[in-house]
Amino acid sequence: MDDTKPKAVVVEAVIDRYEGDQAVLLLGEDERSVVFPARFLPTGLDEGAYLRIEIAFDAEATVQAQREAADLLRELQERNV
């Protein structure tokens, strides 16, 4: 993997509506509709509220997950020898 740290992406969104425990967000200038768990949004927001969503790569968590997967695979292979 490249050692260059990817930059975070900021997406602007608006809450279109709530459907049960889900929020329908309209993302970006083209207002692409996505369903998002409402529990991850700040409390008290109503339809029409604008959001800024930052998406960032977590290198440490990725490396840790890769190590855990490799360890598990190695353990399974050793059992089957």
C-alpha atoms as a PDB file:
ATOM      1  CA  MET A   1       0.000   0.000   0.000  1.00  0.00           C
ATOM      2  CA  ASP A   2       1.135   3.519  -0.785  1.00  0.00           C
ATOM      3  CA  ASP A   3       2.490   5.435   2.237  1.00  0.00           C
ATOM      4  CA  THR A   4       0.745   8.630   1.096  1.00  0.00           C
ATOM      5  CA  LYS A   5      -1.983   9.523   3.552  1.00  0.00           C
ATOM      6  CA  PRO A   6      -5.286   9.975   1.705  1.00  0.00           C
ATOM      7  CA  LYS A   7      -6.989  13.279   2.376  1.00  0.00           C
ATOM      8  CA  ALA A   8     -10.346  13.300   4.087  1.00  0.00           C
ATOM      9  CA  VAL A   9     -13.365  13.949   1.899  1.00  0.00           C
ATOM     10  CA  VAL A  10     -16.079  16.339   3.005  1.00  0.00           C
ATOM     11  CA  VAL A  11     -19.557  15.768   1.600  1.00  0.00           C
ATOM     12  CA  GLU A  12     -22.367  18.247   2.049  1.00  0.00           C
ATOM     13  CA  ALA A  13     -25.802  16.755   2.695  1.00  0.00           C
ATOM     14  CA  VAL A  14     -29.317  17.716   3.671  1.00  0.00           C
ATOM     15  CA  ILE A  15     -31.788  15.602   5.619  1.00  0.00           C
ATOM     16  CA  ASP A  16     -34.643  14.976   3.216  1.00  0.00           C
ATOM     17  CA  ARG A  17     -36.824  12.936   5.571  1.00  0.00           C
ATOM     18  CA  TYR A  18     -36.903  10.297   8.268  1.00  0.00           C
ATOM     19  CA  GLU A  19     -38.282   6.813   7.679  1.00  0.00           C
ATOM     20  CA  GLY A  20     -38.463   5.046  11.028  1.00  0.00           C
ATOM     21  CA  ASP A  21     -34.929   4.769  12.401  1.00  0.00           C
ATOM     22  CA  GLN A  22     -33.402   5.765   9.053  1.00  0.00           C
ATOM     23  CA  ALA A  23     -32.682   9.197   7.609  1.00  0.00           C
ATOM     24  CA  VAL A  24     -32.794   9.829   3.880  1.00  0.00           C
ATOM     25  CA  LEU A  25     -29.946  12.193   3.049  1.00  0.00           C
ATOM     26  CA  LEU A  26     -29.402  14.051  -0.201  1.00  0.00           C
ATOM     27  CA  LEU A  27     -25.654  14.189  -0.850  1.00  0.00           C
ATOM     28  CA  GLY A  28     -23.697  16.690  -2.892  1.00  0.00           C
ATOM     29  CA  GLU A  29     -24.771  19.078  -5.602  1.00  0.00           C
ATOM     30  CA  ASP A  30     -26.576  16.335  -7.523  1.00  0.00           C
ATOM     31  CA  GLU A  31     -28.523  15.444  -4.350  1.00  0.00           C
ATOM     32  CA  ARG A  32     -27.914  11.720  -4.576  1.00  0.00           C
ATOM     33  CA  SER A  33     -30.267   9.974  -2.154  1.00  0.00           C
ATOM     34  CA  VAL A  34     -28.795   7.643   0.481  1.00  0.00           C
ATOM     35  CA  VAL A  35     -30.341   5.950   3.496  1.00  0.00           C
ATOM     36  CA  PHE A  36     -28.351   6.498   6.686  1.00  0.00           C
ATOM     37  CA  PRO A  37     -28.950   5.231  10.241  1.00  0.00           C
ATOM     38  CA  ALA A  38     -30.466   8.151  12.142  1.00  0.00           C
ATOM     39  CA  ARG A  39     -28.688   7.105  15.351  1.00  0.00           C
ATOM     40  CA  PHE A  40     -25.386   8.324  13.845  1.00  0.00           C
ATOM     41  CA  LEU A  41     -26.717  11.845  13.294  1.00  0.00           C
ATOM     42  CA  PRO A  42     -26.641  14.575  15.934  1.00  0.00           C
ATOM     43  CA  THR A  43     -29.844  14.504  17.976  1.00  0.00           C
ATOM     44  CA  GLY A  44     -32.572  17.030  17.418  1.00  0.00           C
ATOM     45  CA  LEU A  45     -32.094  17.600  13.693  1.00  0.00           C
ATOM     46  CA  ASP A  46     -35.188  18.001  11.539  1.00  0.00           C
ATOM     47  CA  GLU A  47     -35.815  17.603   7.844  1.00  0.00           C
ATOM     48  CA  GLY A  48     -34.048  20.361   5.933  1.00  0.00           C
ATOM     49  CA  ALA A  49     -31.019  20.457   8.241  1.00  0.00           C
ATOM     50  CA  TYR A  50     -27.720  20.706   6.370  1.00  0.00           C
ATOM     51  CA  LEU A  51     -24.774  18.503   7.302  1.00  0.00           C
ATOM     52  CA  ARG A  52     -21.078  18.292   6.546  1.00  0.00           C
ATOM     53  CA  ILE A  53     -19.918  14.692   6.569  1.00  0.00           C
ATOM     54  CA  GLU A  54     -16.168  14.033   6.761  1.00  0.00           C
ATOM     55  CA  ILE A  55     -14.956  10.658   5.542  1.00  0.00           C
ATOM     56  CA  ALA A  56     -11.374   9.828   6.497  1.00  0.00           C
ATOM     57  CA  PHE A  57      -9.219   6.758   6.005  1.00  0.00           C
ATOM     58  CA  ASP A  58      -8.215   5.062   9.277  1.00  0.00           C
ATOM     59  CA  ALA A  59      -4.814   3.528   8.536  1.00  0.00           C
ATOM     60  CA  GLU A  60      -4.265   2.151  12.054  1.00  0.00           C
ATOM     61  CA  ALA A  61      -7.603   0.323  12.131  1.00  0.00           C
ATOM     62  CA  THR A  62      -6.980  -1.042   8.619  1.00  0.00           C
ATOM     63  CA  VAL A  63      -3.553  -2.412   9.536  1.00  0.00           C
ATOM     64  CA  GLN A  64      -4.923  -3.943  12.745  1.00  0.00           C
ATOM     65  CA  ALA A  65      -7.794  -5.626  10.867  1.00  0.00           C
ATOM     66  CA  GLN A  66      -5.364  -6.972   8.254  1.00  0.00           C
ATOM     67  CA  ARG A  67      -3.139  -8.414  11.009  1.00  0.00           C
ATOM     68  CA  GLU A  68      -6.120 -10.041  12.727  1.00  0.00           C
ATOM     69  CA  ALA A  69      -7.325 -11.552   9.444  1.00  0.00           C
ATOM     70  CA  ALA A  70      -3.837 -12.880   8.642  1.00  0.00           C
ATOM     71  CA  ASP A  71      -3.519 -14.360  12.147  1.00  0.00           C
ATOM     72  CA  LEU A  72      -6.904 -16.057  11.845  1.00  0.00           C
ATOM     73  CA  LEU A  73      -6.078 -17.442   8.407  1.00  0.00           C
ATOM     74  CA  ARG A  74      -2.732 -18.765   9.677  1.00  0.00           C
ATOM     75  CA  GLU A  75      -4.485 -20.398  12.663  1.00  0.00           C
ATOM     76  CA  LEU A  76      -7.064 -22.055  10.394  1.00  0.00           C
ATOM     77  CA  GLN A  77      -4.366 -23.308   8.029  1.00  0.00           C
ATOM     78  CA  GLU A  78      -2.374 -24.773  10.921  1.00  0.00           C
ATOM     79  CA  ARG A  79      -5.463 -26.681  12.115  1.00  0.00           C
ATOM     80  CA  ASN A  80      -5.924 -28.205   8.672  1.00  0.00           C
ATOM     81  CA  VAL A  81      -2.326 -29.434   8.273  1.00  0.00           C
END
